[in-house]
Protein backbone atom coordinates (compact mmCIF):
# COMPACT_ATOMS: atom_id res chain seq x y z
CA MET A 1 35.75 50.39 -25.95
CA LYS A 2 35.74 47.48 -28.39
CA THR A 3 37.85 45.36 -26.05
CA ILE A 4 35.38 45.90 -23.20
CA ILE A 5 32.48 44.79 -25.43
CA TYR A 6 34.43 41.73 -26.60
CA ALA A 7 35.33 40.88 -23.01
CA LEU A 8 31.66 41.16 -21.93
CA ILE A 9 30.49 38.99 -24.86
CA ALA A 10 33.19 36.40 -24.16
CA THR A 11 32.19 36.32 -20.49
CA LEU A 12 28.52 35.94 -21.46
CA VAL A 13 29.36 33.04 -23.80
CA VAL A 14 31.41 31.25 -21.13
CA VAL A 15 28.76 31.69 -18.43
CA SER A 16 25.90 30.55 -20.69
CA GLY A 17 27.98 27.53 -21.74
CA LEU A 18 28.51 26.59 -18.10
CA VAL A 19 24.80 26.99 -17.31
CA PHE A 20 23.81 24.88 -20.31
CA ALA A 21 26.34 22.15 -19.42
CA ASN A 22 25.12 22.08 -15.79
CA ARG A 23 21.51 21.71 -17.00
CA GLU A 24 22.48 18.69 -19.11
CA ILE A 25 24.18 17.03 -16.12
CA ASN A 26 21.10 17.63 -13.92
CA ASN A 27 18.77 16.22 -16.58
CA GLU A 28 20.88 13.05 -16.90
CA ALA A 29 20.91 12.59 -13.11
CA SER A 30 17.13 12.98 -12.85
CA LYS A 31 16.57 10.48 -15.68
CA LYS A 32 18.71 7.90 -13.86
CA SER A 33 16.97 8.36 -10.48
CA ALA A 34 13.43 8.16 -11.91
CA SER A 35 13.40 4.46 -12.70
CA LYS A 36 10.12 2.82 -13.57
CA PRO A 37 8.46 0.50 -11.03
CA LEU A 38 8.98 -3.23 -11.34
CA SER A 39 6.38 -5.29 -13.17
CA ALA A 40 4.60 -8.17 -11.44
CA ALA A 41 6.82 -10.71 -13.20
CA GLU A 42 9.96 -8.84 -12.13
CA LYS A 43 8.70 -8.70 -8.53
CA LYS A 44 8.03 -12.45 -8.53
CA ALA A 45 11.48 -13.14 -9.96
CA ALA A 46 13.12 -10.94 -7.32
CA LEU A 47 11.12 -12.68 -4.57
CA ARG A 48 12.14 -16.14 -5.83
CA LYS A 49 15.77 -14.99 -5.97
CA TRP A 50 15.56 -13.70 -2.37
CA GLU A 51 13.88 -16.90 -1.16
CA ALA A 52 16.93 -18.84 -2.40
CA THR A 53 19.27 -16.78 -0.17
CA PRO A 54 20.10 -17.98 3.37
CA ASP A 55 17.84 -15.27 4.86
CA GLY A 56 14.99 -16.27 2.58
CA ILE A 57 15.35 -19.93 3.47
CA LYS A 58 15.41 -19.08 7.17
CA TYR A 59 12.28 -16.94 6.77
CA LYS A 60 10.38 -19.69 4.91
CA LYS A 61 11.30 -22.18 7.67
CA TRP A 62 10.03 -19.73 10.29
CA GLU A 63 6.74 -19.29 8.38
CA ALA A 64 6.19 -23.06 8.35
CA SER A 65 7.13 -23.49 12.03
CA PRO A 66 4.47 -23.60 14.80
CA GLU A 67 5.73 -20.23 16.07
CA GLY A 68 5.30 -18.61 12.64
CA LYS A 69 1.84 -20.12 12.20
CA LYS A 70 0.84 -18.79 15.64
CA VAL A 71 1.98 -15.28 14.66
CA TYR A 72 0.01 -15.43 11.39
CA ALA A 73 -3.09 -16.72 13.25
CA SER A 74 -2.85 -13.81 15.72
CA GLU A 75 -2.55 -11.35 12.84
CA ALA A 76 -5.65 -12.83 11.19
CA LYS A 77 -7.69 -12.25 14.39
CA ILE A 78 -7.21 -8.47 14.22
CA ARG A 79 -6.96 -8.00 10.46
CA LYS A 80 -10.57 -6.73 10.22
CA HIS A 81 -9.82 -3.97 12.76
CA ILE A 82 -6.53 -3.08 11.06
CA ARG A 83 -8.11 -2.71 7.61
CA ALA A 84 -10.97 -0.58 8.93
CA ILE A 85 -8.72 1.27 11.41
CA THR A 86 -11.26 0.70 14.19
CA ASP A 87 -10.82 0.53 17.95
CA MET A 88 -9.48 -2.60 19.61
CA GLU A 89 -9.74 -3.30 23.34
CA ALA A 90 -6.35 -4.19 24.79
CA VAL A 91 -4.82 -4.87 28.20
CA VAL A 92 -1.23 -3.83 28.91
CA THR A 93 0.74 -6.94 29.90
CA SER A 94 4.26 -5.48 30.01
CA LEU A 95 5.69 -1.97 29.84
CA SER A 96 8.80 -3.13 27.99
CA LEU A 97 9.47 -4.93 24.75
CA PRO A 98 11.09 -8.38 24.47
CA PRO A 99 14.84 -8.42 25.20
CA GLY A 100 17.01 -7.43 22.24
CA SER A 101 14.24 -5.69 20.34
CA ARG A 102 15.09 -2.67 18.23
CA LEU A 103 11.60 -1.30 17.67
CA GLY A 104 12.01 1.87 19.73
CA PHE A 105 9.40 2.65 22.37
CA GLY A 106 6.64 0.12 22.85
CA MET A 107 4.87 -2.26 25.17
CA MET A 108 3.22 -5.68 25.21
CA VAL A 109 -0.57 -5.86 25.04
CA ARG A 110 -3.17 -8.63 24.99
CA ILE A 111 -6.09 -8.44 22.57
CA ASN A 112 -8.74 -11.19 22.59
CA GLY A 113 -6.41 -13.58 24.43
CA ASP A 114 -3.38 -13.12 22.14
CA ASP A 115 -0.23 -11.15 22.93
CA TYR A 116 1.04 -8.42 20.60
CA ILE A 117 3.91 -5.95 20.50
CA LEU A 118 2.52 -2.40 20.40
CA SER A 119 5.30 -0.35 18.84
CA PHE A 120 5.43 3.43 18.48
CA GLY A 121 8.87 3.94 16.94
CA PRO A 122 11.93 5.85 18.15
CA GLU A 123 11.31 7.87 21.27
CA LYS A 124 11.46 11.62 20.72
CA SER A 125 11.51 14.09 23.61
CA ASN A 126 8.10 14.13 25.31
CA GLU A 127 6.07 12.57 22.52
CA PHE A 128 5.16 9.48 24.59
CA GLN A 129 4.92 11.20 27.97
CA GLN A 130 1.28 10.15 28.53
CA LEU A 131 2.06 6.53 27.56
CA HIS A 132 4.76 6.32 30.26
CA ARG A 133 1.96 6.72 32.83
CA LEU A 134 0.37 3.42 31.86
CA ASP A 135 0.59 0.47 34.24
CA VAL A 136 0.37 -3.28 33.77
CA ASN A 137 -3.28 -4.46 33.51
CA ASP A 138 -4.51 -1.04 32.31
CA LYS A 139 -7.29 -1.36 29.75
CA ILE A 140 -6.72 0.76 26.67
CA ARG A 141 -8.31 1.27 23.27
CA ILE A 142 -5.92 1.29 20.33
CA ARG A 143 -6.17 1.94 16.62
CA SER A 144 -3.63 0.98 14.03
CA HIS A 145 -3.29 0.80 10.27
CA THR A 146 -0.43 -1.71 10.22
CA VAL A 147 0.39 -5.09 11.66
CA SER A 148 3.66 -6.81 10.77
CA HIS A 149 5.84 -9.69 11.86
CA ALA A 150 9.46 -10.74 11.97
CA PRO A 151 11.11 -14.08 12.70
CA LYS A 152 13.02 -12.41 15.53
CA TYR A 153 9.79 -11.88 17.50
CA SER A 154 7.25 -14.44 18.71
CA TYR A 155 4.44 -11.88 18.49
CA PRO A 156 2.83 -9.77 15.75
CA ILE A 157 3.91 -6.13 15.80
CA ILE A 158 1.14 -3.52 15.83
CA SER A 159 2.08 0.02 14.89
CA GLY A 160 0.42 2.29 17.45
CA ASP A 161 -1.49 5.16 15.82
CA TYR A 162 -4.00 6.03 18.53
CA VAL A 163 -4.25 5.10 22.23
CA GLU A 164 -6.85 6.11 24.77
CA ARG A 165 -7.64 5.06 28.35
CA ASP A 166 -10.92 5.81 30.11
CA SER A 167 -12.04 7.88 27.08
CA LYS A 168 -8.98 10.14 27.45
CA LEU A 169 -6.56 10.46 24.56
CA LEU A 170 -3.04 9.38 25.50
CA TYR A 171 -1.37 9.29 22.09
CA LYS A 172 -2.21 10.09 18.49
CA ARG A 173 0.36 9.69 15.73
CA ALA A 174 0.96 12.91 13.82
CA PRO A 175 0.08 12.61 10.11
CA ARG A 176 2.97 12.34 7.70
CA LYS A 177 4.13 15.54 6.10
CA GLY A 178 4.11 15.62 2.31
CA GLY A 179 2.88 12.05 2.09
CA CYS A 180 -0.35 10.31 1.31
C-alpha cells in the first residue's frame, strides 16, 4: 500500500514539474514576441538606413522623377475622398491591369482625367462575379480608404472597398475579422 502511495506522489511531483517547466518556457516565448513599438527616433534611423540601400536609392530617384511626381499629383487629387471615404465617379478604361502586375484582380479607371489602378486583391471563387460584368467606358462609383503607389507602376493604386453602377451595388469589401 505504501509503495502505491509513494508511486502516486512521485508521479504527481514529476507531472507538476513538467507543467511548471512548460509554463516558464511559454512565458519566455511570449516576452520575446511582445516587443515594444519603435520610437520616432528609431523609425527615422531605420528609414535613413533603408534609404541608403540600393532599393531606397532607386525609390528616391523614382520619387524625384517626372513619373513619380505625376503619381503623387494624382494621389493628391483624390486624397480628400480617400480620407472621408466618400464616393468618387470613375470610368472603366481597361478591364485588366498593366502587364506584369501582381496586385490580384483589378482594372484601370479614370477619375477626373487621371488614370488609376483599382485593385481588389487576390481573386477568390465568386467574390468578384459582378465586377466581371463591367465593360470599358462603364461609369461607376467607388469608395476606398487607401491609395498607394509603387515605382513599378505609373499609376496610383486605389484599394477597392465599394463599387456601384447605376445605383446597384456590385462589390463591397467584407469587414476584417478581429481587427479594427
